[in-house]
Amino acid sequence: MREAAVVSQSNPLQRIPGVAFVLVALIAVFGAVAPGFLSVANLSNVLVQSTILTMLALPMTLIIMTEGLDLSMGAVLTLTSLCVAIVSVATKSMLLGLGAGVLVGVAFGAVNGSLVAILGIPPFVATLGTLGVAQGLSLIVSDGQSVVGIPHSVRDIYSSKLLSVPVPIVMALVTYAAFHALLYHTRFGTYIFALGGNREALRFAGLSPNKLLIAVYALGGMMAGIAGLLMTARMNSGHPTAGLGLEFDAIAAVAVGGTSFERGNGWLLGTVLGVIAVGVLRNGLNLISLPSSVQVASVGILVIVALFLDGLRSRS
């Protein structure tokens, strides 16, 4: 560990994940081939569109640091978005809609954590099961139809600005600041590192790894609820398939950002770079009119290339 710290201090470039170099390359390529890509309006649009993924990828980082995984996050986002839509339409209250979405998200997160921590079910299997449950509930509560008639208090969130900065970007910045403080400046953050690196130390300290693990998954569910508000505002409706597949993008952003799937090693800033890289890639492919199927494949290629670069640098 001490040798690794010395290497990191002597060569700061080794701390930069491979996705940072890929991101620079993507911006250069799309700036050359995609008309309007480098315009201020489009780059702002990339950041705004990346906010929902940011709110999923940051808690996913913590979950993966515990050697876990949450495949249900996209489906839970869909369900919370529907809850926000249904409750806000019925009550005309954005806060009640948000409360309903957060409550449902926390409930699913707590169930995921309990299945993994208490019942000992592997995270992949446990969250794959709750993914199916969330998808089914989304179809049930919406009857397979979009929920429309969203009140202005919800719709305006996605298009409003605070001090000339789009509100979704402000929310993403606040989220990053909160997670940075939580992970690096609180005891709970220290416990998260220990959950992935040394759970026995937590037991010797008189702490319950199971309760901590449930709390981490519940935090992920809470963020899916908050992101559900943005999803509803973005689409001006609740849709039963709105967030499906976003868990893949979130996991990809975390992986290419330098977070290890073992030993409790994670880096939030790297995750943000991963989110931006995914957003740049999808936006650039949209501008050159490539179909969504190609975009999904391209995200997979992004993961492979970024991790390949990381492997080359670590071996060198």
Protein backbone atom coordinates (compact mmCIF):
# COMPACT_ATOMS: atom_id res chain seq x y z
CA MET A 1 0.00 0.00 0.00
CA ARG A 2 2.80 2.40 0.91
CA GLU A 3 4.60 1.61 -2.37
CA ALA A 4 1.40 2.28 -4.31
CA ALA A 5 1.04 5.65 -2.63
CA VAL A 6 4.61 6.56 -3.58
CA VAL A 7 4.01 5.59 -7.21
CA SER A 8 0.79 7.62 -7.29
CA GLN A 9 2.52 10.71 -5.91
CA SER A 10 5.52 10.40 -8.24
CA ASN A 11 3.37 9.91 -11.36
CA PRO A 12 0.03 11.76 -11.10
CA LEU A 13 -1.00 10.55 -14.59
CA GLN A 14 -1.44 7.06 -13.20
CA ARG A 15 -4.35 8.37 -11.10
CA ILE A 16 -6.14 9.60 -14.23
CA PRO A 17 -8.45 6.85 -15.52
CA GLY A 18 -8.25 5.73 -19.13
CA VAL A 19 -11.69 7.22 -19.78
CA ALA A 20 -10.21 10.74 -19.41
CA PHE A 21 -8.02 10.17 -22.46
CA VAL A 22 -10.91 8.52 -24.31
CA LEU A 23 -13.11 11.53 -23.45
CA VAL A 24 -10.60 13.95 -24.98
CA ALA A 25 -10.44 11.77 -28.10
CA LEU A 26 -14.25 11.61 -28.37
CA ILE A 27 -14.57 15.39 -28.12
CA ALA A 28 -11.89 15.84 -30.80
CA VAL A 29 -13.47 13.31 -33.17
CA PHE A 30 -17.06 14.49 -32.81
CA GLY A 31 -15.91 18.11 -32.97
CA ALA A 32 -14.48 17.32 -36.40
CA VAL A 33 -17.26 15.15 -37.86
CA ALA A 34 -20.49 16.22 -36.10
CA PRO A 35 -21.83 19.65 -37.10
CA GLY A 36 -22.60 21.82 -34.09
CA PHE A 37 -21.12 19.40 -31.56
CA LEU A 38 -18.75 22.00 -30.05
CA SER A 39 -21.41 24.71 -29.82
CA VAL A 40 -22.11 26.03 -26.34
CA ALA A 41 -25.77 25.04 -26.66
CA ASN A 42 -24.93 21.44 -27.51
CA LEU A 43 -22.26 21.03 -24.84
CA SER A 44 -24.70 22.43 -22.28
CA ASN A 45 -27.26 19.94 -23.57
CA VAL A 46 -24.77 17.09 -23.03
CA LEU A 47 -24.31 18.12 -19.41
CA VAL A 48 -28.05 18.49 -18.79
CA GLN A 49 -28.80 15.12 -20.34
CA SER A 50 -26.07 13.53 -18.20
CA THR A 51 -27.58 14.68 -14.90
CA ILE A 52 -29.95 11.73 -14.47
CA LEU A 53 -27.14 9.27 -15.15
CA THR A 54 -24.95 11.14 -12.66
CA MET A 55 -27.56 10.64 -9.93
CA LEU A 56 -27.53 6.91 -10.63
CA ALA A 57 -23.79 6.43 -11.17
CA LEU A 58 -22.66 8.11 -7.93
CA PRO A 59 -24.59 5.73 -5.63
CA MET A 60 -23.72 2.86 -7.97
CA THR A 61 -20.07 3.69 -7.22
CA LEU A 62 -20.66 3.17 -3.51
CA ILE A 63 -22.55 -0.07 -4.14
CA ILE A 64 -19.78 -1.45 -6.35
CA MET A 65 -17.20 -0.42 -3.75
CA THR A 66 -18.93 -2.84 -1.35
CA GLU A 67 -18.33 -5.57 -3.98
CA GLY A 68 -22.02 -5.32 -4.86
CA LEU A 69 -24.10 -4.46 -7.91
CA ASP A 70 -27.57 -3.06 -8.56
CA LEU A 71 -29.11 -4.21 -11.82
CA SER A 72 -32.53 -2.95 -10.76
CA MET A 73 -31.62 0.74 -10.68
CA GLY A 74 -32.97 1.57 -14.15
CA ALA A 75 -36.25 -0.26 -13.52
CA VAL A 76 -36.59 1.37 -10.08
CA LEU A 77 -35.98 4.75 -11.72
CA THR A 78 -38.83 3.99 -14.12
CA LEU A 79 -41.15 3.06 -11.25
CA THR A 80 -40.24 6.13 -9.19
CA SER A 81 -40.77 8.35 -12.22
CA LEU A 82 -44.25 6.89 -12.61
CA CYS A 83 -44.93 7.45 -8.91
CA VAL A 84 -43.83 11.08 -9.23
CA ALA A 85 -46.09 11.49 -12.25
CA ILE A 86 -49.16 9.80 -10.76
CA VAL A 87 -48.98 11.55 -7.38
CA SER A 88 -48.13 14.98 -8.79
CA VAL A 89 -50.99 14.75 -11.31
CA ALA A 90 -53.42 13.72 -8.58
CA THR A 91 -52.31 16.29 -5.99
CA LYS A 92 -50.79 19.03 -8.19
CA SER A 93 -47.86 18.96 -5.75
CA MET A 94 -44.27 18.44 -6.88
CA LEU A 95 -43.11 17.78 -3.30
CA LEU A 96 -45.68 15.03 -2.71
CA GLY A 97 -44.71 13.46 -6.03
CA LEU A 98 -41.04 13.59 -5.11
CA GLY A 99 -41.80 12.14 -1.68
CA ALA A 100 -43.66 9.22 -3.24
CA GLY A 101 -40.80 8.52 -5.65
CA VAL A 102 -38.15 8.66 -2.93
CA LEU A 103 -40.21 6.43 -0.64
CA VAL A 104 -40.60 3.76 -3.33
CA GLY A 105 -36.90 4.02 -4.25
CA VAL A 106 -35.72 3.65 -0.65
CA ALA A 107 -38.04 0.67 -0.17
CA PHE A 108 -36.56 -1.13 -3.20
CA GLY A 109 -33.03 -0.24 -2.12
CA ALA A 110 -33.65 -1.59 1.37
CA VAL A 111 -35.06 -4.81 -0.09
CA ASN A 112 -32.01 -5.18 -2.34
CA GLY A 113 -29.68 -4.64 0.59
CA SER A 114 -31.59 -7.10 2.78
CA LEU A 115 -31.53 -9.80 0.11
CA VAL A 116 -27.77 -9.39 -0.27
CA ALA A 117 -26.76 -8.78 3.36
CA ILE A 118 -29.21 -10.87 5.36
CA LEU A 119 -30.20 -13.68 3.01
CA GLY A 120 -26.77 -13.88 1.39
CA ILE A 121 -28.10 -13.84 -2.17
CA PRO A 122 -25.45 -12.71 -4.69
CA PRO A 123 -26.05 -9.08 -5.71
CA PHE A 124 -26.37 -9.97 -9.40
CA VAL A 125 -29.16 -12.46 -8.70
CA ALA A 126 -30.92 -10.40 -6.03
CA THR A 127 -31.10 -7.20 -8.04
CA LEU A 128 -31.97 -9.08 -11.23
CA GLY A 129 -35.03 -10.34 -9.37
CA THR A 130 -36.05 -6.91 -8.09
CA LEU A 131 -35.50 -5.53 -11.60
CA GLY A 132 -38.27 -7.83 -12.79
CA VAL A 133 -40.51 -6.83 -9.88
CA ALA A 134 -40.00 -3.12 -10.57
CA GLN A 135 -40.70 -3.59 -14.29
CA GLY A 136 -43.89 -5.49 -13.52
CA LEU A 137 -45.10 -2.88 -11.04
CA SER A 138 -44.40 -0.13 -13.57
CA LEU A 139 -46.68 -1.82 -16.08
CA ILE A 140 -49.34 -2.43 -13.43
CA VAL A 141 -49.53 1.11 -12.00
CA SER A 142 -49.48 2.70 -15.47
CA ASP A 143 -51.59 0.07 -17.25
CA GLY A 144 -48.86 0.11 -19.88
CA GLN A 145 -49.66 3.72 -20.82
CA SER A 146 -47.88 7.03 -20.36
CA VAL A 147 -49.05 9.21 -17.46
CA VAL A 148 -49.71 12.70 -18.83
CA GLY A 149 -50.99 16.00 -17.47
CA ILE A 150 -47.82 16.68 -15.47
CA PRO A 151 -48.18 19.97 -13.51
CA HIS A 152 -45.93 22.95 -14.29
CA SER A 153 -44.21 22.66 -10.93
CA VAL A 154 -42.68 19.39 -12.13
CA ARG A 155 -42.23 20.23 -15.81
CA ASP A 156 -40.39 23.47 -15.13
CA ILE A 157 -37.64 21.77 -13.10
CA TYR A 158 -35.89 20.45 -16.20
CA SER A 159 -36.08 23.72 -18.15
CA SER A 160 -35.52 26.26 -15.35
CA LYS A 161 -32.23 27.97 -14.51
CA LEU A 162 -30.63 29.10 -11.28
CA LEU A 163 -28.19 31.98 -11.72
CA SER A 164 -28.07 31.17 -15.46
CA VAL A 165 -27.19 27.51 -14.74
CA PRO A 166 -29.77 24.84 -15.67
CA VAL A 167 -31.42 23.43 -12.55
CA PRO A 168 -30.61 19.78 -13.47
CA ILE A 169 -26.89 20.68 -13.56
CA VAL A 170 -27.20 22.42 -10.20
CA MET A 171 -28.86 19.30 -8.78
CA ALA A 172 -26.06 17.11 -10.18
CA LEU A 173 -23.38 19.37 -8.70
CA VAL A 174 -25.07 19.34 -5.30
CA THR A 175 -25.35 15.55 -5.52
CA TYR A 176 -21.65 15.19 -6.31
CA ALA A 177 -20.69 17.52 -3.45
CA ALA A 178 -22.88 15.55 -1.03
CA PHE A 179 -21.45 12.18 -2.11
CA HIS A 180 -17.89 13.51 -2.03
CA ALA A 181 -18.40 14.75 1.53
CA LEU A 182 -20.12 11.51 2.53
CA LEU A 183 -17.45 9.20 1.11
CA TYR A 184 -14.29 11.11 1.98
CA HIS A 185 -15.18 13.14 5.06
CA THR A 186 -17.50 11.02 7.21
CA ARG A 187 -17.24 7.82 9.21
CA PHE A 188 -19.91 6.29 7.01
CA GLY A 189 -17.60 6.79 4.03
CA THR A 190 -14.82 5.01 5.88
CA TYR A 191 -17.22 2.16 6.56
CA ILE A 192 -18.04 1.92 2.84
CA PHE A 193 -14.34 1.44 2.03
CA ALA A 194 -14.18 -1.22 4.74
CA LEU A 195 -17.26 -3.04 3.39
CA GLY A 196 -15.36 -3.75 0.20
CA GLY A 197 -11.92 -4.14 1.68
CA ASN A 198 -12.12 -5.46 5.24
CA ARG A 199 -15.52 -6.34 6.70
CA GLU A 200 -13.93 -8.19 9.59
CA ALA A 201 -12.52 -4.89 10.83
CA LEU A 202 -16.07 -3.54 11.03
CA ARG A 203 -17.18 -6.53 13.11
CA PHE A 204 -14.22 -6.14 15.45
CA ALA A 205 -15.19 -2.47 15.87
CA GLY A 206 -18.66 -3.56 16.99
CA LEU A 207 -20.40 -2.43 13.79
CA SER A 208 -22.92 -4.37 11.72
CA PRO A 209 -21.79 -4.83 8.09
CA ASN A 210 -25.33 -5.97 7.21
CA LYS A 211 -26.94 -2.72 8.38
CA LEU A 212 -24.32 -0.66 6.60
CA LEU A 213 -24.80 -2.62 3.39
CA ILE A 214 -28.58 -2.14 3.54
CA ALA A 215 -28.01 1.59 4.06
CA VAL A 216 -25.80 1.80 0.95
CA TYR A 217 -28.41 0.09 -1.24
CA ALA A 218 -31.18 2.23 0.30
CA LEU A 219 -29.15 5.33 -0.57
CA GLY A 220 -29.05 4.13 -4.17
CA GLY A 221 -32.83 3.72 -4.11
CA MET A 222 -33.27 7.21 -2.69
CA MET A 223 -31.21 8.68 -5.52
CA ALA A 224 -33.28 6.73 -8.05
CA GLY A 225 -36.33 8.44 -6.53
CA ILE A 226 -34.80 11.91 -6.91
CA ALA A 227 -33.68 11.09 -10.44
CA GLY A 228 -37.25 9.95 -11.10
CA LEU A 229 -38.37 13.55 -10.60
CA LEU A 230 -35.92 14.72 -13.27
CA MET A 231 -36.96 11.91 -15.61
CA THR A 232 -40.62 12.87 -15.30
CA ALA A 233 -39.80 16.55 -15.85
CA ARG A 234 -37.60 15.72 -18.85
CA MET A 235 -40.25 13.59 -20.58
CA ASN A 236 -43.21 15.67 -19.39
CA SER A 237 -44.84 12.35 -18.54
CA GLY A 238 -44.34 9.09 -16.73
CA HIS A 239 -43.58 6.16 -19.03
CA PRO A 240 -43.38 2.44 -18.10
CA THR A 241 -40.08 1.94 -19.96
CA ALA A 242 -38.44 5.35 -19.44
CA GLY A 243 -35.36 4.29 -17.45
CA LEU A 244 -34.78 0.75 -18.66
CA GLY A 245 -31.16 0.18 -19.60
CA LEU A 246 -29.80 3.14 -17.62
CA GLU A 247 -28.34 0.72 -15.08
CA PHE A 248 -25.99 -0.47 -17.83
CA ASP A 249 -24.80 3.08 -18.51
CA ALA A 250 -24.37 3.69 -14.77
CA ILE A 251 -22.28 0.54 -14.29
CA ALA A 252 -20.27 1.41 -17.41
CA ALA A 253 -19.55 4.93 -16.11
CA VAL A 254 -18.40 3.55 -12.76
CA ALA A 255 -16.22 0.88 -14.34
CA VAL A 256 -14.46 3.14 -16.82
CA GLY A 257 -14.08 5.79 -14.10
CA GLY A 258 -11.60 3.63 -12.24
CA THR A 259 -13.70 2.04 -9.49
CA SER A 260 -12.65 -1.53 -8.79
CA PHE A 261 -15.22 -4.30 -8.40
CA GLU A 262 -13.28 -5.62 -5.43
CA ARG A 263 -11.27 -4.40 -2.44
CA GLY A 264 -13.39 -1.28 -1.81
CA ASN A 265 -11.49 0.97 -4.18
CA GLY A 266 -13.50 3.77 -5.78
CA TRP A 267 -13.15 7.30 -7.17
CA LEU A 268 -16.19 9.57 -7.53
CA LEU A 269 -14.54 12.08 -9.87
CA GLY A 270 -13.63 9.22 -12.19
CA THR A 271 -17.28 8.19 -12.20
CA VAL A 272 -18.30 11.71 -13.25
CA LEU A 273 -15.78 11.56 -16.10
CA GLY A 274 -17.31 8.23 -17.09
CA VAL A 275 -20.80 9.76 -17.09
CA ILE A 276 -19.66 12.64 -19.29
CA ALA A 277 -17.91 10.23 -21.67
CA VAL A 278 -21.11 8.21 -22.06
CA GLY A 279 -23.09 11.43 -22.60
CA VAL A 280 -20.62 12.74 -25.18
CA LEU A 281 -20.62 9.41 -27.01
CA ARG A 282 -24.42 9.18 -27.21
CA ASN A 283 -24.80 12.84 -28.18
CA GLY A 284 -22.17 12.64 -30.90
CA LEU A 285 -23.70 9.49 -32.36
CA ASN A 286 -27.10 11.19 -32.35
CA LEU A 287 -25.71 14.16 -34.27
CA ILE A 288 -24.33 11.87 -36.99
CA SER A 289 -27.68 10.01 -37.07
CA LEU A 290 -26.59 6.56 -35.94
CA PRO A 291 -29.38 4.33 -34.55
CA SER A 292 -29.82 3.64 -30.83
CA SER A 293 -28.72 0.01 -31.25
CA VAL A 294 -25.30 1.25 -32.39
CA GLN A 295 -25.18 3.60 -29.39
CA VAL A 296 -25.65 0.72 -26.95
CA ALA A 297 -22.87 -1.25 -28.64
CA SER A 298 -20.66 1.84 -28.60
CA VAL A 299 -21.01 2.22 -24.83
CA GLY A 300 -19.80 -1.36 -24.48
CA ILE A 301 -16.82 -0.59 -26.72
CA LEU A 302 -16.10 2.51 -24.60
CA VAL A 303 -15.87 0.32 -21.49
CA ILE A 304 -13.50 -2.12 -23.19
CA VAL A 305 -11.22 0.60 -24.58
CA ALA A 306 -11.04 2.57 -21.32
CA LEU A 307 -10.28 -0.52 -19.23
CA PHE A 308 -7.72 -1.66 -21.83
CA LEU A 309 -5.92 1.67 -21.49
CA ASP A 310 -6.00 1.37 -17.70
CA GLY A 311 -4.50 -2.10 -17.98
CA LEU A 312 -1.72 -0.90 -20.26
CA ARG A 313 -0.80 1.96 -17.92
CA SER A 314 -0.85 -0.24 -14.82
CA ARG A 315 1.45 -2.79 -16.47
CA SER A 316 3.83 -0.04 -17.58
